[in-house]
């Protein structure tokens, strides 16, 4: 019974450690256990340092691995295994980058806008959409002649001079950095305005591009006008000379009559001041002008004597039913210009 219990515990421990080991091996080796994947290929000019099982990433997330590589027609064809949940457009760009300082590589995918059509299984990405890795060995080999030609003492002297120069201008450098930080902060605070400005600029550019035919015609017309003016320069010169002469004559005329012009302006100012002073009277006149004009028109239509001396055809004292009459006392009043205005306001018939 005791042996059976120990065997059961040993079995559980073995299963647990085996599961953990397989999981670690899957993560480290990028095996992708229990993950469905589909194959694609990418064509490169150079795949130096790339190995099988190197990861394939999209936006920094591992989405597959390198399953093999071979040469076709002088180009390297790399086979990739991509997770089935990842759809790659046919415009996807592929680049081999450094994964760490040890020189290990990673295949990076850049799908662009991610729009269809998408890559089918076993489809190839052409060399025009791929970029090989940076060869640091070649870079260092190219720098070797330069480094060997530099004298160590000269390099130390240059470094010391730079340090002394920076130390003497520490405050200036700090001020420049502070101003730069302030400027960047201000620009960051105006992100909405900058976005609106860029959007408006894009709108203007779009409108200008849509009106390129009209702009071309306008530029052509301006070119024609310029050619016409250039071809008739003598007439343009005469016009400018005549304009200059007319301007001079006008200036001389104003100078000769300056006193008269000043007197006219002063008189006009006086008249305007009088008008402003009697503005109330003018308003009153304008208010009653319609009635006065009506009375004047009656005098012109029916005769001066009948309108001035016959104010009514009946008198109220004699005929109470007369709607257009006046009292006898009123009828005996003398008539004149004032009675004309009274008639205009409705006092007479």
Protein backbone atom coordinates (compact mmCIF):
# COMPACT_ATOMS: atom_id res chain seq x y z
CA UNK A 1 0.00 0.00 0.00
CA UNK A 2 2.84 2.35 0.89
CA UNK A 3 4.66 1.51 -2.36
CA UNK A 4 1.50 2.22 -4.37
CA UNK A 5 1.18 5.69 -2.80
CA UNK A 6 4.84 6.50 -3.56
CA UNK A 7 4.43 5.31 -7.16
CA UNK A 8 1.31 7.49 -7.58
CA UNK A 9 3.16 10.58 -6.30
CA UNK A 10 6.10 9.80 -8.54
CA UNK A 11 3.76 9.51 -11.52
CA UNK A 12 2.13 12.86 -10.73
CA UNK A 13 5.56 14.51 -10.35
CA UNK A 14 6.72 13.01 -13.65
CA UNK A 15 3.62 14.23 -15.50
CA UNK A 16 3.93 17.72 -14.01
CA UNK A 17 7.63 18.12 -14.77
CA UNK A 18 7.14 16.68 -18.25
CA UNK A 19 4.34 19.17 -18.99
CA UNK A 20 6.44 22.07 -17.72
CA UNK A 21 9.43 20.88 -19.75
CA UNK A 22 7.39 20.58 -22.93
CA UNK A 23 5.88 24.04 -22.35
CA UNK A 24 9.30 25.62 -21.82
CA UNK A 25 10.66 23.86 -24.89
CA UNK A 26 7.69 25.16 -26.89
CA UNK A 27 8.29 28.73 -25.74
CA UNK A 28 12.07 28.66 -26.12
CA UNK A 29 12.07 26.75 -29.39
CA UNK A 30 9.00 28.58 -30.76
CA UNK A 31 7.41 25.26 -31.66
CA UNK A 32 3.85 26.61 -31.49
CA UNK A 33 2.25 23.53 -29.94
CA UNK A 34 -1.52 23.41 -30.30
CA UNK A 35 -1.37 26.38 -32.69
CA UNK A 36 -2.65 26.15 -36.24
CA UNK A 37 -0.29 27.81 -38.71
CA UNK A 38 -0.05 28.30 -42.47
CA UNK A 39 3.16 28.54 -44.57
CA UNK A 40 4.30 31.57 -46.58
CA UNK A 41 7.67 32.45 -48.12
CA UNK A 42 9.68 35.66 -48.49
CA UNK A 43 12.48 36.37 -50.99
CA UNK A 44 15.58 38.25 -49.72
CA UNK A 45 18.82 39.48 -51.24
CA UNK A 46 20.70 38.53 -48.07
CA UNK A 47 19.73 36.61 -44.90
CA UNK A 48 23.08 36.63 -43.07
CA UNK A 49 22.73 35.31 -39.51
CA UNK A 50 19.13 34.10 -39.88
CA UNK A 51 18.50 30.62 -38.43
CA UNK A 52 15.65 28.14 -38.43
CA UNK A 53 13.11 28.63 -35.60
CA UNK A 54 13.97 32.34 -35.34
CA UNK A 55 10.77 34.18 -34.36
CA UNK A 56 8.53 36.10 -36.72
CA UNK A 57 6.99 39.17 -35.09
CA UNK A 58 4.21 41.61 -35.91
CA UNK A 59 4.21 44.86 -33.90
CA UNK A 60 6.61 43.18 -31.42
CA UNK A 61 4.35 40.15 -30.86
CA UNK A 62 5.54 36.70 -31.96
CA UNK A 63 3.16 35.37 -34.62
CA UNK A 64 5.27 32.63 -36.21
CA UNK A 65 8.74 31.27 -36.86
CA UNK A 66 11.29 30.54 -39.58
CA UNK A 67 10.90 26.97 -40.80
CA UNK A 68 13.63 26.87 -43.46
CA UNK A 69 15.61 28.71 -46.10
CA UNK A 70 17.17 27.92 -49.46
CA UNK A 71 18.61 29.62 -52.54
CA UNK A 72 16.78 30.11 -55.84
CA UNK A 73 18.32 32.00 -58.79
CA UNK A 74 20.82 33.77 -56.56
CA UNK A 75 18.21 34.91 -54.01
CA UNK A 76 17.42 33.55 -50.55
CA UNK A 77 13.93 32.14 -50.06
CA UNK A 78 12.89 32.01 -46.39
CA UNK A 79 9.98 29.80 -45.37
CA UNK A 80 7.79 31.21 -42.62
CA UNK A 81 5.06 29.64 -40.53
CA UNK A 82 2.36 32.15 -39.50
CA UNK A 83 -0.45 31.75 -36.97
CA UNK A 84 -3.80 31.14 -38.69
CA UNK A 85 -5.41 34.00 -36.82
CA UNK A 86 -3.06 36.49 -38.52
CA UNK A 87 -4.07 37.77 -41.96
CA UNK A 88 -1.26 39.40 -43.92
CA UNK A 89 -1.99 41.69 -46.90
CA UNK A 90 -0.13 41.08 -50.13
CA UNK A 91 1.52 44.50 -49.61
CA UNK A 92 3.21 43.32 -46.39
CA UNK A 93 6.86 44.35 -46.01
CA UNK A 94 9.31 41.95 -44.34
CA UNK A 95 12.56 43.00 -42.67
CA UNK A 96 15.25 41.00 -40.84
CA UNK A 97 16.37 42.84 -37.69
CA UNK A 98 18.71 42.23 -34.77
CA UNK A 99 16.98 40.54 -31.83
CA UNK A 100 19.75 41.22 -29.28
CA UNK A 101 23.42 42.16 -28.94
CA UNK A 102 24.45 38.54 -29.44
CA UNK A 103 23.63 38.82 -33.14
CA UNK A 104 20.45 36.75 -33.15
CA UNK A 105 17.91 37.75 -35.77
CA UNK A 106 14.14 38.25 -35.89
CA UNK A 107 11.86 38.53 -38.92
CA UNK A 108 9.63 41.61 -38.58
CA UNK A 109 6.36 41.96 -40.52
CA UNK A 110 4.89 45.37 -41.45
CA UNK A 111 1.37 44.87 -42.90
CA UNK A 112 0.75 48.54 -43.69
CA UNK A 113 -2.97 49.43 -43.57
CA UNK A 114 -3.93 45.75 -43.29
CA UNK A 115 -6.46 45.87 -46.12
CA UNK A 116 -7.31 43.01 -48.50
CA UNK A 117 -6.31 41.10 -50.58
CA UNK A 118 -4.50 38.80 -48.16
CA UNK A 119 -1.69 36.28 -48.62
CA UNK A 120 -2.78 32.73 -49.31
CA UNK A 121 -0.93 29.68 -47.89
CA UNK A 122 2.37 28.95 -49.72
CA UNK A 123 2.28 32.36 -51.40
CA UNK A 124 5.55 34.34 -51.74
CA UNK A 125 6.44 37.90 -50.78
CA UNK A 126 8.70 39.35 -53.53
CA UNK A 127 12.17 40.77 -52.95
CA UNK A 128 10.86 44.29 -53.64
CA UNK A 129 8.97 44.08 -50.33
CA UNK A 130 11.81 42.65 -48.20
CA UNK A 131 14.93 44.03 -46.58
CA UNK A 132 17.91 42.04 -45.34
CA UNK A 133 19.75 42.53 -42.03
CA UNK A 134 22.44 45.08 -41.29
CA UNK A 135 25.83 43.37 -41.39
CA UNK A 136 27.77 44.82 -38.42
CA UNK A 137 30.87 42.87 -39.41
CA UNK A 138 31.00 44.70 -42.72
CA UNK A 139 30.46 48.03 -40.95
CA UNK A 140 33.33 47.36 -38.55
CA UNK A 141 35.55 46.20 -41.38
CA UNK A 142 34.87 49.42 -43.26
CA UNK A 143 35.66 51.46 -40.13
CA UNK A 144 38.92 49.59 -39.51
CA UNK A 145 41.10 51.74 -41.83
CA UNK A 146 39.72 54.89 -40.23
CA UNK A 147 40.28 53.64 -36.70
CA UNK A 148 43.81 52.46 -37.45
CA UNK A 149 44.68 55.87 -38.94
CA UNK A 150 43.70 57.78 -35.78
CA UNK A 151 46.46 58.57 -33.33
CA UNK A 152 45.45 57.78 -29.77
CA UNK A 153 47.09 60.93 -28.40
CA UNK A 154 45.25 63.11 -30.90
CA UNK A 155 42.00 61.41 -29.97
CA UNK A 156 42.64 62.05 -26.26
CA UNK A 157 43.47 65.69 -26.98
CA UNK A 158 40.26 66.12 -28.96
CA UNK A 159 38.19 64.49 -26.22
CA UNK A 160 39.77 66.71 -23.54
CA UNK A 161 39.13 69.85 -25.59
CA UNK A 162 35.49 68.88 -26.06
CA UNK A 163 35.03 68.23 -22.35
CA UNK A 164 36.62 71.58 -21.41
CA UNK A 165 34.48 73.41 -23.96
CA UNK A 166 31.29 71.79 -22.73
CA UNK A 167 32.24 72.48 -19.10
CA UNK A 168 32.80 76.19 -19.80
CA UNK A 169 29.40 76.49 -21.48
CA UNK A 170 27.44 74.28 -19.11
CA UNK A 171 24.96 77.06 -18.26
CA UNK A 172 24.39 77.84 -21.93
CA UNK A 173 23.82 74.18 -22.74
CA UNK A 174 21.38 73.86 -19.82
CA UNK A 175 19.51 76.96 -21.02
CA UNK A 176 19.29 75.58 -24.55
CA UNK A 177 17.98 72.26 -23.28
CA UNK A 178 15.46 74.03 -21.01
CA UNK A 179 14.25 76.22 -23.87
CA UNK A 180 13.96 73.17 -26.09
CA UNK A 181 11.92 71.36 -23.44
CA UNK A 182 9.67 74.43 -23.04
CA UNK A 183 9.20 74.68 -26.79
CA UNK A 184 8.37 70.99 -27.12
CA UNK A 185 5.94 71.28 -24.20
CA UNK A 186 4.20 74.24 -25.84
CA UNK A 187 3.99 72.38 -29.14
CA UNK A 188 2.61 69.34 -27.35
CA UNK A 189 -0.06 71.51 -25.70
CA UNK A 190 -1.16 72.76 -29.11
CA UNK A 191 -1.69 69.32 -30.58
CA UNK A 192 -5.34 70.00 -31.43
CA UNK A 193 -4.49 73.29 -33.17
CA UNK A 194 -1.63 71.63 -35.05
CA UNK A 195 -3.90 68.79 -36.08
CA UNK A 196 -6.52 71.27 -37.29
CA UNK A 197 -3.83 73.23 -39.14
CA UNK A 198 -2.54 70.11 -40.86
CA UNK A 199 -6.09 69.06 -41.75
CA UNK A 200 -6.85 72.49 -43.19
CA UNK A 201 -3.57 72.42 -45.10
CA UNK A 202 -4.49 69.02 -46.52
CA UNK A 203 -7.95 70.35 -47.47
CA UNK A 204 -6.41 73.37 -49.21
CA UNK A 205 -3.92 71.15 -51.02
CA UNK A 206 -6.76 68.85 -52.11
CA UNK A 207 -8.82 71.79 -53.39
CA UNK A 208 -5.80 73.22 -55.22
CA UNK A 209 -5.12 69.84 -56.79
CA UNK A 210 -8.78 69.59 -57.84
CA UNK A 211 -8.53 73.02 -59.51
CA UNK A 212 -5.24 72.34 -61.29
CA UNK A 213 -6.86 72.83 -64.72
CA UNK A 214 -8.09 76.31 -63.79
CA UNK A 215 -4.73 77.12 -62.21
CA UNK A 216 -2.95 76.00 -65.36
CA UNK A 217 -5.18 78.26 -67.46
CA UNK A 218 -4.60 81.16 -65.05
CA UNK A 219 -0.84 80.71 -65.20
CA UNK A 220 -1.02 80.46 -68.98
CA UNK A 221 -3.04 83.69 -69.12
CA UNK A 222 -0.56 85.43 -66.83
CA UNK A 223 2.26 84.25 -69.06
CA UNK A 224 0.43 85.62 -72.12
CA UNK A 225 -0.10 88.98 -70.40
CA UNK A 226 3.55 89.12 -69.42
CA UNK A 227 4.63 88.32 -72.98
CA UNK A 228 2.26 90.98 -74.36
CA UNK A 229 3.59 93.62 -71.99
CA UNK A 230 7.15 92.64 -72.76
CA UNK A 231 6.47 92.84 -76.51
CA UNK A 232 4.84 96.31 -76.25
CA UNK A 233 7.19 97.89 -73.75
CA UNK A 234 7.34 101.22 -75.64
CA UNK A 235 3.60 101.80 -75.28
CA UNK A 236 3.79 100.82 -71.62
CA UNK A 237 6.61 103.33 -71.15
CA UNK A 238 4.52 106.09 -72.80
CA UNK A 239 1.56 105.24 -70.58
CA UNK A 240 3.70 105.47 -67.45
CA UNK A 241 5.21 108.78 -68.63
CA UNK A 242 1.73 110.22 -69.32
CA UNK A 243 0.51 109.00 -65.94
CA UNK A 244 3.50 110.66 -64.28
CA UNK A 245 2.78 113.91 -66.18
CA UNK A 246 -0.90 113.85 -65.19
CA UNK A 247 0.03 113.27 -61.56
CA UNK A 248 2.43 116.21 -61.66
CA UNK A 249 -0.18 118.51 -63.26
CA UNK A 250 -2.75 117.52 -60.66
CA UNK A 251 -0.29 118.24 -57.87
CA UNK A 252 0.55 121.64 -59.40
CA UNK A 253 -3.16 122.50 -59.80
CA UNK A 254 -3.84 121.65 -56.16
CA UNK A 255 -0.82 123.67 -55.03
CA UNK A 256 -1.91 126.74 -57.10
CA UNK A 257 -5.46 126.63 -55.75
CA UNK A 258 -4.66 125.55 -52.19
CA UNK A 259 -6.08 128.78 -50.69
CA UNK A 260 -9.36 128.53 -52.60
CA UNK A 261 -9.71 124.84 -51.72
CA UNK A 262 -9.08 125.58 -48.04
CA UNK A 263 -11.71 128.37 -48.07
CA UNK A 264 -14.25 126.06 -49.70
CA UNK A 265 -13.56 123.38 -47.12
CA UNK A 266 -13.87 125.92 -44.28
CA UNK A 267 -17.20 127.19 -45.71
CA UNK A 268 -18.44 123.63 -46.00
CA UNK A 269 -17.47 123.03 -42.37
CA UNK A 270 -19.41 126.16 -41.36
CA UNK A 271 -22.51 125.02 -43.25
CA UNK A 272 -22.33 121.59 -41.65
CA UNK A 273 -21.98 123.16 -38.19
CA UNK A 274 -25.11 125.28 -38.82
CA UNK A 275 -27.01 122.21 -39.99
CA UNK A 276 -25.94 120.29 -36.89
CA UNK A 277 -26.96 123.23 -34.67
CA UNK A 278 -30.46 123.36 -36.22
CA UNK A 279 -30.90 119.63 -36.44
CA UNK A 280 -34.02 119.78 -34.26
CA UNK A 281 -35.60 122.45 -36.46
CA UNK A 282 -34.85 120.46 -39.58
CA UNK A 283 -36.43 117.38 -38.02
CA UNK A 284 -39.57 119.41 -37.17
CA UNK A 285 -39.74 120.78 -40.70
CA UNK A 286 -39.37 117.33 -42.16
CA UNK A 287 -42.16 116.08 -39.89
CA UNK A 288 -44.68 118.70 -41.15
CA UNK A 289 -43.38 118.91 -44.69
CA UNK A 290 -45.96 116.47 -46.01
CA UNK A 291 -48.93 118.56 -44.72
CA UNK A 292 -47.44 121.80 -46.02
CA UNK A 293 -46.82 120.29 -49.43
CA UNK A 294 -50.39 119.00 -49.51
CA UNK A 295 -51.72 122.54 -48.76
CA UNK A 296 -49.46 124.03 -51.39
CA UNK A 297 -50.68 121.50 -53.96
CA UNK A 298 -54.28 122.43 -53.15
CA UNK A 299 -53.50 126.10 -53.69
CA UNK A 300 -51.87 125.25 -57.00
CA UNK A 301 -54.79 123.03 -58.07
CA UNK A 302 -57.87 125.10 -57.10
CA UNK A 303 -56.54 128.66 -57.30
CA UNK A 304 -55.02 130.93 -54.71
CA UNK A 305 -58.19 133.01 -53.96
CA UNK A 306 -60.55 130.07 -53.45
CA UNK A 307 -58.20 128.26 -51.07
CA UNK A 308 -57.04 131.36 -49.13
CA UNK A 309 -60.33 133.29 -48.79
CA UNK A 310 -63.06 130.66 -48.99
CA UNK A 311 -62.13 128.29 -46.14
CA UNK A 312 -65.57 126.55 -46.07
CA UNK A 313 -68.80 126.41 -48.00
CA UNK A 314 -70.86 126.39 -44.81
CA UNK A 315 -70.66 127.77 -41.29
CA UNK A 316 -71.38 125.66 -38.26
CA UNK A 317 -73.44 128.40 -36.56
CA UNK A 318 -75.85 128.51 -39.51
CA UNK A 319 -75.91 124.82 -40.37
CA UNK A 320 -75.01 122.49 -37.46
CA UNK A 321 -75.04 119.52 -39.78
CA UNK A 322 -72.12 120.91 -41.76
CA UNK A 323 -69.11 118.63 -41.23
CA UNK A 324 -66.69 120.85 -43.09
CA UNK A 325 -67.53 124.20 -41.44
CA UNK A 326 -66.15 126.58 -38.81
CA UNK A 327 -67.72 128.93 -36.35
CA UNK A 328 -68.66 132.49 -37.44
CA UNK A 329 -65.89 133.92 -35.29
CA UNK A 330 -63.40 131.67 -36.91
CA UNK A 331 -64.70 132.45 -40.36
CA UNK A 332 -64.20 136.18 -39.72
CA UNK A 333 -60.49 135.78 -38.99
CA UNK A 334 -58.11 137.26 -41.55
CA UNK A 335 -56.56 134.86 -44.01
CA UNK A 336 -52.94 134.57 -44.98
CA UNK A 337 -50.02 132.13 -45.32
CA UNK A 338 -50.76 130.70 -41.88
CA UNK A 339 -54.28 129.81 -42.98
CA UNK A 340 -52.76 127.92 -45.90
CA UNK A 341 -50.77 125.76 -43.47
CA UNK A 342 -53.92 125.31 -41.32
CA UNK A 343 -55.73 124.06 -44.42
CA UNK A 344 -52.92 121.67 -45.09
CA UNK A 345 -53.27 120.16 -41.58
CA UNK A 346 -56.99 119.52 -42.07
CA UNK A 347 -58.55 122.74 -40.71
CA UNK A 348 -60.30 123.88 -43.94
CA UNK A 349 -62.21 122.34 -46.85
